[in-house]
Amino acid sequence: MNETFRLEQAVQTLDAIVTAMEGEVQLGHHGFAKAFNNDKYELFLVKDDGSTITPQQADLKQLEDAIYQWRDEHMQFFQKILGAMM
């Protein structure tokens, strides 16, 4: 799978999770403390060191792993989010 497509898919999935969690989700995995939307609904990540980046600036593998880890810990909620995205 092409890296641009994977990044787009990861960003859309993370955005759906953050939106469903009313603008902020605690990640706590793979170098990311949390993800949030600002007042303009732009998506950002807070790294464990406290710095804030856009998902496009993140290491794709770490971002995917953080999303997968969150999914594994919240499977029922994640399935509801996916259902709403379809």
PDB file of N, CA and C in Angstrom:
ATOM      1  N   MET A   1       0.859  -1.179   0.000  1.00  0.00           N
ATOM      2  CA  MET A   1       0.000   0.000   0.000  1.00  0.00           C
ATOM      3  C   MET A   1       0.905   1.240   0.000  1.00  0.00           C
ATOM      4  N   ASN A   2       0.559   2.195  -0.781  1.00  0.00           N
ATOM      5  CA  ASN A   2       1.362   3.399  -0.925  1.00  0.00           C
ATOM      6  C   ASN A   2       1.317   4.257   0.349  1.00  0.00           C
ATOM      7  N   GLU A   3       2.444   4.868   0.676  1.00  0.00           N
ATOM      8  CA  GLU A   3       2.579   5.603   1.941  1.00  0.00           C
ATOM      9  C   GLU A   3       1.638   6.805   2.033  1.00  0.00           C
ATOM     10  N   THR A   4       1.393   7.484   0.928  1.00  0.00           N
ATOM     11  CA  THR A   4       0.474   8.625   0.935  1.00  0.00           C
ATOM     12  C   THR A   4      -0.939   8.166   1.293  1.00  0.00           C
ATOM     13  N   PHE A   5      -1.359   7.053   0.724  1.00  0.00           N
ATOM     14  CA  PHE A   5      -2.684   6.510   1.025  1.00  0.00           C
ATOM     15  C   PHE A   5      -2.761   6.079   2.487  1.00  0.00           C
ATOM     16  N   ARG A   6      -1.717   5.427   2.981  1.00  0.00           N
ATOM     17  CA  ARG A   6      -1.693   4.987   4.383  1.00  0.00           C
ATOM     18  C   ARG A   6      -1.792   6.182   5.325  1.00  0.00           C
ATOM     19  N   LEU A   7      -1.074   7.261   5.008  1.00  0.00           N
ATOM     20  CA  LEU A   7      -1.126   8.455   5.853  1.00  0.00           C
ATOM     21  C   LEU A   7      -2.520   9.059   5.830  1.00  0.00           C
ATOM     22  N   GLU A   8      -3.110   9.172   4.648  1.00  0.00           N
ATOM     23  CA  GLU A   8      -4.461   9.721   4.536  1.00  0.00           C
ATOM     24  C   GLU A   8      -5.454   8.879   5.334  1.00  0.00           C
ATOM     25  N   GLN A   9      -5.321   7.571   5.243  1.00  0.00           N
ATOM     26  CA  GLN A   9      -6.201   6.657   5.968  1.00  0.00           C
ATOM     27  C   GLN A   9      -6.008   6.816   7.480  1.00  0.00           C
ATOM     28  N   ALA A  10      -4.764   6.931   7.941  1.00  0.00           N
ATOM     29  CA  ALA A  10      -4.485   7.092   9.368  1.00  0.00           C
ATOM     30  C   ALA A  10      -5.045   8.414   9.882  1.00  0.00           C
ATOM     31  N   VAL A  11      -4.876   9.482   9.122  1.00  0.00           N
ATOM     32  CA  VAL A  11      -5.373  10.796   9.534  1.00  0.00           C
ATOM     33  C   VAL A  11      -6.897  10.787   9.609  1.00  0.00           C
ATOM     34  N   GLN A  12      -7.555  10.200   8.625  1.00  0.00           N
ATOM     35  CA  GLN A  12      -9.020  10.142   8.639  1.00  0.00           C
ATOM     36  C   GLN A  12      -9.536   9.305   9.807  1.00  0.00           C
ATOM     37  N   THR A  13      -8.867   8.201  10.087  1.00  0.00           N
ATOM     38  CA  THR A  13      -9.267   7.353  11.204  1.00  0.00           C
ATOM     39  C   THR A  13      -9.078   8.077  12.525  1.00  0.00           C
ATOM     40  N   LEU A  14      -7.921   8.711  12.688  1.00  0.00           N
ATOM     41  CA  LEU A  14      -7.649   9.457  13.922  1.00  0.00           C
ATOM     42  C   LEU A  14      -8.631  10.616  14.078  1.00  0.00           C
ATOM     43  N   ASP A  15      -8.928  11.305  12.993  1.00  0.00           N
ATOM     44  CA  ASP A  15      -9.886  12.409  13.053  1.00  0.00           C
ATOM     45  C   ASP A  15     -11.269  11.909  13.477  1.00  0.00           C
ATOM     46  N   ALA A  16     -11.675  10.757  12.973  1.00  0.00           N
ATOM     47  CA  ALA A  16     -12.976  10.188  13.356  1.00  0.00           C
ATOM     48  C   ALA A  16     -12.992   9.837  14.843  1.00  0.00           C
ATOM     49  N   ILE A  17     -11.887   9.286  15.341  1.00  0.00           N
ATOM     50  CA  ILE A  17     -11.805   8.948  16.764  1.00  0.00           C
ATOM     51  C   ILE A  17     -11.879  10.210  17.612  1.00  0.00           C
ATOM     52  N   VAL A  18     -11.093  11.214  17.256  1.00  0.00           N
ATOM     53  CA  VAL A  18     -11.065  12.466  18.024  1.00  0.00           C
ATOM     54  C   VAL A  18     -12.433  13.139  17.999  1.00  0.00           C
ATOM     55  N   THR A  19     -13.063  13.168  16.856  1.00  0.00           N
ATOM     56  CA  THR A  19     -14.390  13.778  16.751  1.00  0.00           C
ATOM     57  C   THR A  19     -15.395  13.020  17.620  1.00  0.00           C
ATOM     58  N   ALA A  20     -15.345  11.701  17.572  1.00  0.00           N
ATOM     59  CA  ALA A  20     -16.258  10.898  18.385  1.00  0.00           C
ATOM     60  C   ALA A  20     -16.009  11.085  19.883  1.00  0.00           C
ATOM     61  N   MET A  21     -14.777  11.403  20.233  1.00  0.00           N
ATOM     62  CA  MET A  21     -14.414  11.613  21.640  1.00  0.00           C
ATOM     63  C   MET A  21     -14.541  13.091  22.020  1.00  0.00           C
ATOM     64  N   GLU A  22     -15.313  13.828  21.242  1.00  0.00           N
ATOM     65  CA  GLU A  22     -15.624  15.237  21.510  1.00  0.00           C
ATOM     66  C   GLU A  22     -14.396  16.140  21.507  1.00  0.00           C
ATOM     67  N   GLY A  23     -13.456  15.855  20.599  1.00  0.00           N
ATOM     68  CA  GLY A  23     -12.359  16.780  20.358  1.00  0.00           C
ATOM     69  C   GLY A  23     -11.019  16.432  20.968  1.00  0.00           C
ATOM     70  N   GLU A  24     -10.955  15.348  21.746  1.00  0.00           N
ATOM     71  CA  GLU A  24      -9.664  14.977  22.339  1.00  0.00           C
ATOM     72  C   GLU A  24      -9.675  13.510  22.720  1.00  0.00           C
ATOM     73  N   VAL A  25      -8.581  12.837  22.446  1.00  0.00           N
ATOM     74  CA  VAL A  25      -8.435  11.434  22.836  1.00  0.00           C
ATOM     75  C   VAL A  25      -7.037  11.223  23.417  1.00  0.00           C
ATOM     76  N   GLN A  26      -6.988  10.540  24.539  1.00  0.00           N
ATOM     77  CA  GLN A  26      -5.715  10.191  25.166  1.00  0.00           C
ATOM     78  C   GLN A  26      -5.174   8.957  24.458  1.00  0.00           C
ATOM     79  N   LEU A  27      -3.958   9.047  23.944  1.00  0.00           N
ATOM     80  CA  LEU A  27      -3.352   7.910  23.267  1.00  0.00           C
ATOM     81  C   LEU A  27      -2.403   7.177  24.213  1.00  0.00           C
ATOM     82  N   GLY A  28      -1.336   7.851  24.638  1.00  0.00           N
ATOM     83  CA  GLY A  28      -0.412   7.258  25.585  1.00  0.00           C
ATOM     84  C   GLY A  28       0.410   6.103  25.044  1.00  0.00           C
ATOM     85  N   HIS A  29       0.555   6.027  23.723  1.00  0.00           N
ATOM     86  CA  HIS A  29       1.306   4.930  23.121  1.00  0.00           C
ATOM     87  C   HIS A  29       2.158   5.418  21.965  1.00  0.00           C
ATOM     88  N   HIS A  30       3.279   4.763  21.784  1.00  0.00           N
ATOM     89  CA  HIS A  30       4.136   4.960  20.617  1.00  0.00           C
ATOM     90  C   HIS A  30       4.585   6.413  20.439  1.00  0.00           C
ATOM     91  N   GLY A  31       4.812   7.087  21.556  1.00  0.00           N
ATOM     92  CA  GLY A  31       5.338   8.446  21.510  1.00  0.00           C
ATOM     93  C   GLY A  31       4.305   9.551  21.491  1.00  0.00           C
ATOM     94  N   PHE A  32       3.028   9.202  21.512  1.00  0.00           N
ATOM     95  CA  PHE A  32       1.969  10.206  21.449  1.00  0.00           C
ATOM     96  C   PHE A  32       1.140  10.195  22.726  1.00  0.00           C
ATOM     97  N   ALA A  33       1.033  11.350  23.364  1.00  0.00           N
ATOM     98  CA  ALA A  33       0.240  11.464  24.589  1.00  0.00           C
ATOM     99  C   ALA A  33      -1.246  11.577  24.260  1.00  0.00           C
ATOM    100  N   LYS A  34      -1.561  12.432  23.279  1.00  0.00           N
ATOM    101  CA  LYS A  34      -2.974  12.617  22.922  1.00  0.00           C
ATOM    102  C   LYS A  34      -3.094  13.215  21.533  1.00  0.00           C
ATOM    103  N   ALA A  35      -4.321  13.206  21.035  1.00  0.00           N
ATOM    104  CA  ALA A  35      -4.674  13.861  19.778  1.00  0.00           C
ATOM    105  C   ALA A  35      -5.865  14.757  20.072  1.00  0.00           C
ATOM    106  N   PHE A  36      -5.934  15.896  19.377  1.00  0.00           N
ATOM    107  CA  PHE A  36      -7.043  16.817  19.616  1.00  0.00           C
ATOM    108  C   PHE A  36      -7.325  17.665  18.385  1.00  0.00           C
ATOM    109  N   ASN A  37      -8.532  18.227  18.368  1.00  0.00           N
ATOM    110  CA  ASN A  37      -8.934  19.216  17.362  1.00  0.00           C
ATOM    111  C   ASN A  37      -8.915  20.584  18.014  1.00  0.00           C
ATOM    112  N   ASN A  38      -8.426  21.586  17.289  1.00  0.00           N
ATOM    113  CA  ASN A  38      -8.487  22.944  17.822  1.00  0.00           C
ATOM    114  C   ASN A  38      -9.835  23.578  17.467  1.00  0.00           C
ATOM    115  N   ASP A  39      -9.975  24.871  17.721  1.00  0.00           N
ATOM    116  CA  ASP A  39     -11.237  25.576  17.463  1.00  0.00           C
ATOM    117  C   ASP A  39     -11.655  25.554  15.997  1.00  0.00           C
ATOM    118  N   LYS A  40     -10.682  25.362  15.101  1.00  0.00           N
ATOM    119  CA  LYS A  40     -10.966  25.320  13.668  1.00  0.00           C
ATOM    120  C   LYS A  40     -11.096  23.879  13.174  1.00  0.00           C
ATOM    121  N   TYR A  41     -11.181  22.924  14.098  1.00  0.00           N
ATOM    122  CA  TYR A  41     -11.305  21.501  13.798  1.00  0.00           C
ATOM    123  C   TYR A  41     -10.097  20.947  13.046  1.00  0.00           C
ATOM    124  N   GLU A  42      -8.933  21.562  13.270  1.00  0.00           N
ATOM    125  CA  GLU A  42      -7.690  21.026  12.718  1.00  0.00           C
ATOM    126  C   GLU A  42      -7.152  19.990  13.696  1.00  0.00           C
ATOM    127  N   LEU A  43      -6.612  18.915  13.179  1.00  0.00           N
ATOM    128  CA  LEU A  43      -6.148  17.796  13.988  1.00  0.00           C
ATOM    129  C   LEU A  43      -4.674  17.963  14.360  1.00  0.00           C
ATOM    130  N   PHE A  44      -4.355  17.732  15.628  1.00  0.00           N
ATOM    131  CA  PHE A  44      -2.979  17.808  16.124  1.00  0.00           C
ATOM    132  C   PHE A  44      -2.690  16.633  17.044  1.00  0.00           C
ATOM    133  N   LEU A  45      -1.412  16.338  17.190  1.00  0.00           N
ATOM    134  CA  LEU A  45      -0.932  15.331  18.125  1.00  0.00           C
ATOM    135  C   LEU A  45      -0.008  15.990  19.132  1.00  0.00           C
ATOM    136  N   VAL A  46      -0.104  15.572  20.374  1.00  0.00           N
ATOM    137  CA  VAL A  46       0.844  16.002  21.401  1.00  0.00           C
ATOM    138  C   VAL A  46       1.743  14.803  21.663  1.00  0.00           C
ATOM    139  N   LYS A  47       3.034  15.020  21.459  1.00  0.00           N
ATOM    140  CA  LYS A  47       3.992  13.945  21.685  1.00  0.00           C
ATOM    141  C   LYS A  47       4.288  13.825  23.176  1.00  0.00           C
ATOM    142  N   ASP A  48       4.892  12.724  23.557  1.00  0.00           N
ATOM    143  CA  ASP A  48       5.226  12.495  24.962  1.00  0.00           C
ATOM    144  C   ASP A  48       6.129  13.578  25.543  1.00  0.00           C
ATOM    145  N   ASP A  49       6.916  14.229  24.693  1.00  0.00           N
ATOM    146  CA  ASP A  49       7.803  15.294  25.174  1.00  0.00           C
ATOM    147  C   ASP A  49       7.098  16.646  25.304  1.00  0.00           C
ATOM    148  N   GLY A  50       5.778  16.676  24.991  1.00  0.00           N
ATOM    149  CA  GLY A  50       4.990  17.897  25.121  1.00  0.00           C
ATOM    150  C   GLY A  50       4.881  18.726  23.859  1.00  0.00           C
ATOM    151  N   SER A  51       5.639  18.398  22.840  1.00  0.00           N
ATOM    152  CA  SER A  51       5.560  19.163  21.593  1.00  0.00           C
ATOM    153  C   SER A  51       4.297  18.786  20.832  1.00  0.00           C
ATOM    154  N   THR A  52       3.789  19.739  20.054  1.00  0.00           N
ATOM    155  CA  THR A  52       2.566  19.545  19.272  1.00  0.00           C
ATOM    156  C   THR A  52       2.931  19.535  17.793  1.00  0.00           C
ATOM    157  N   ILE A  53       2.418  18.524  17.082  1.00  0.00           N
ATOM    158  CA  ILE A  53       2.669  18.384  15.651  1.00  0.00           C
ATOM    159  C   ILE A  53       1.365  18.045  14.938  1.00  0.00           C
ATOM    160  N   THR A  54       1.377  18.175  13.633  1.00  0.00           N
ATOM    161  CA  THR A  54       0.250  17.706  12.831  1.00  0.00           C
ATOM    162  C   THR A  54       0.462  16.215  12.561  1.00  0.00           C
ATOM    163  N   PRO A  55      -0.587  15.486  12.254  1.00  0.00           N
ATOM    164  CA  PRO A  55      -0.403  14.067  11.937  1.00  0.00           C
ATOM    165  C   PRO A  55       0.521  13.841  10.740  1.00  0.00           C
ATOM    166  N   GLN A  56       0.534  14.787   9.814  1.00  0.00           N
ATOM    167  CA  GLN A  56       1.401  14.670   8.641  1.00  0.00           C
ATOM    168  C   GLN A  56       2.885  14.746   9.013  1.00  0.00           C
ATOM    169  N   GLN A  57       3.204  15.331  10.164  1.00  0.00           N
ATOM    170  CA  GLN A  57       4.586  15.433  10.615  1.00  0.00           C
ATOM    171  C   GLN A  57       5.021  14.207  11.414  1.00  0.00           C
ATOM    172  N   ALA A  58       4.081  13.361  11.770  1.00  0.00           N
ATOM    173  CA  ALA A  58       4.380  12.193  12.598  1.00  0.00           C
ATOM    174  C   ALA A  58       5.020  11.092  11.766  1.00  0.00           C
ATOM    175  N   ASP A  59       5.766  10.251  12.436  1.00  0.00           N
ATOM    176  CA  ASP A  59       6.272   9.040  11.813  1.00  0.00           C
ATOM    177  C   ASP A  59       5.060   8.147  11.542  1.00  0.00           C
ATOM    178  N   LEU A  60       4.870   7.757  10.297  1.00  0.00           N
ATOM    179  CA  LEU A  60       3.668   7.032   9.897  1.00  0.00           C
ATOM    180  C   LEU A  60       3.514   5.724  10.669  1.00  0.00           C
ATOM    181  N   LYS A  61       4.565   4.967  10.819  1.00  0.00           N
ATOM    182  CA  LYS A  61       4.493   3.686  11.541  1.00  0.00           C
ATOM    183  C   LYS A  61       4.079   3.902  12.991  1.00  0.00           C
ATOM    184  N   GLN A  62       4.652   4.912  13.651  1.00  0.00           N
ATOM    185  CA  GLN A  62       4.281   5.195  15.038  1.00  0.00           C
ATOM    186  C   GLN A  62       2.828   5.635  15.133  1.00  0.00           C
ATOM    187  N   LEU A  63       2.388   6.452  14.182  1.00  0.00           N
ATOM    188  CA  LEU A  63       1.002   6.921  14.179  1.00  0.00           C
ATOM    189  C   LEU A  63       0.041   5.748  13.999  1.00  0.00           C
ATOM    190  N   GLU A  64       0.322   4.897  13.027  1.00  0.00           N
ATOM    191  CA  GLU A  64      -0.531   3.730  12.818  1.00  0.00           C
ATOM    192  C   GLU A  64      -0.545   2.835  14.060  1.00  0.00           C
ATOM    193  N   ASP A  65       0.617   2.621  14.647  1.00  0.00           N
ATOM    194  CA  ASP A  65       0.690   1.773  15.843  1.00  0.00           C
ATOM    195  C   ASP A  65      -0.103   2.358  17.003  1.00  0.00           C
ATOM    196  N   ALA A  66      -0.057   3.674  17.172  1.00  0.00           N
ATOM    197  CA  ALA A  66      -0.827   4.323  18.243  1.00  0.00           C
ATOM    198  C   ALA A  66      -2.325   4.155  18.002  1.00  0.00           C
ATOM    199  N   ILE A  67      -2.748   4.298  16.758  1.00  0.00           N
ATOM    200  CA  ILE A  67      -4.165   4.113  16.418  1.00  0.00           C
ATOM    201  C   ILE A  67      -4.580   2.659  16.661  1.00  0.00           C
ATOM    202  N   TYR A  68      -3.746   1.711  16.220  1.00  0.00           N
ATOM    203  CA  TYR A  68      -4.058   0.291  16.415  1.00  0.00           C
ATOM    204  C   TYR A  68      -4.124  -0.058  17.897  1.00  0.00           C
ATOM    205  N   GLN A  69      -3.214   0.498  18.683  1.00  0.00           N
ATOM    206  CA  GLN A  69      -3.208   0.226  20.124  1.00  0.00           C
ATOM    207  C   GLN A  69      -4.489   0.761  20.759  1.00  0.00           C
ATOM    208  N   TRP A  70      -4.886   1.991  20.384  1.00  0.00           N
ATOM    209  CA  TRP A  70      -6.133   2.569  20.906  1.00  0.00           C
ATOM    210  C   TRP A  70      -7.317   1.698  20.485  1.00  0.00           C
ATOM    211  N   ARG A  71      -7.310   1.293  19.225  1.00  0.00           N
ATOM    212  CA  ARG A  71      -8.385   0.424  18.714  1.00  0.00           C
ATOM    213  C   ARG A  71      -8.483  -0.868  19.529  1.00  0.00           C
ATOM    214  N   ASP A  72      -7.350  -1.495  19.771  1.00  0.00           N
ATOM    215  CA  ASP A  72      -7.355  -2.760  20.518  1.00  0.00           C
ATOM    216  C   ASP A  72      -7.889  -2.587  21.936  1.00  0.00           C
ATOM    217  N   GLU A  73      -7.645  -1.439  22.540  1.00  0.00           N
ATOM    218  CA  GLU A  73      -8.105  -1.182  23.899  1.00  0.00           C
ATOM    219  C   GLU A  73      -9.569  -0.742  23.963  1.00  0.00           C
ATOM    220  N   HIS A  74     -10.112  -0.278  22.835  1.00  0.00           N
ATOM    221  CA  HIS A  74     -11.482   0.252  22.796  1.00  0.00           C
ATOM    222  C   HIS A  74     -12.245  -0.332  21.605  1.00  0.00           C
ATOM    223  N   MET A  75     -12.180  -1.633  21.417  1.00  0.00           N
ATOM    224  CA  MET A  75     -12.694  -2.278  20.204  1.00  0.00           C
ATOM    225  C   MET A  75     -14.174  -1.996  19.942  1.00  0.00           C
ATOM    226  N   GLN A  76     -15.033  -2.109  20.932  1.00  0.00           N
ATOM    227  CA  GLN A  76     -16.461  -1.878  20.698  1.00  0.00           C
ATOM    228  C   GLN A  76     -16.725  -0.442  20.260  1.00  0.00           C
ATOM    229  N   PHE A  77     -16.087   0.512  20.906  1.00  0.00           N
ATOM    230  CA  PHE A  77     -16.267   1.908  20.547  1.00  0.00           C
ATOM    231  C   PHE A  77     -15.711   2.165  19.147  1.00  0.00           C
ATOM    232  N   PHE A  78     -14.556   1.571  18.847  1.00  0.00           N
ATOM    233  CA  PHE A  78     -13.943   1.732  17.537  1.00  0.00           C
ATOM    234  C   PHE A  78     -14.862   1.197  16.443  1.00  0.00           C
ATOM    235  N   GLN A  79     -15.506   0.064  16.672  1.00  0.00           N
ATOM    236  CA  GLN A  79     -16.428  -0.492  15.679  1.00  0.00           C
ATOM    237  C   GLN A  79     -17.614   0.431  15.434  1.00  0.00           C
ATOM    238  N   LYS A  80     -18.092   1.099  16.480  1.00  0.00           N
ATOM    239  CA  LYS A  80     -19.180   2.070  16.323  1.00  0.00           C
ATOM    240  C   LYS A  80     -18.724   3.257  15.473  1.00  0.00           C
ATOM    241  N   ILE A  81     -17.498   3.704  15.708  1.00  0.00           N
ATOM    242  CA  ILE A  81     -16.950   4.817  14.927  1.00  0.00           C
ATOM    243  C   ILE A  81     -16.848   4.418  13.464  1.00  0.00           C
ATOM    244  N   LEU A  82     -16.314   3.232  13.195  1.00  0.00           N
ATOM    245  CA  LEU A  82     -16.195   2.772  11.823  1.00  0.00           C
ATOM    246  C   LEU A  82     -17.560   2.660  11.149  1.00  0.00           C
ATOM    247  N   GLY A  83     -18.540   2.176  11.892  1.00  0.00           N
ATOM    248  CA  GLY A  83     -19.890   2.089  11.352  1.00  0.00           C
ATOM    249  C   GLY A  83     -20.437   3.450  10.966  1.00  0.00           C
ATOM    250  N   ALA A  84     -20.142   4.447  11.770  1.00  0.00           N
ATOM    251  CA  ALA A  84     -20.604   5.808  11.484  1.00  0.00           C
ATOM    252  C   ALA A  84     -19.874   6.402  10.284  1.00  0.00           C
ATOM    253  N   MET A  85     -18.626   5.965  10.048  1.00  0.00           N
ATOM    254  CA  MET A  85     -17.842   6.486   8.930  1.00  0.00           C
ATOM    255  C   MET A  85     -18.332   5.931   7.596  1.00  0.00           C
ATOM    256  N   MET A  86     -18.959   4.756   7.620  1.00  0.00           N
ATOM    257  CA  MET A  86     -19.360   4.084   6.376  1.00  0.00           C
ATOM    258  C   MET A  86     -20.552   4.755   5.733  1.00  0.00           C
TER     259      MET A  86
END
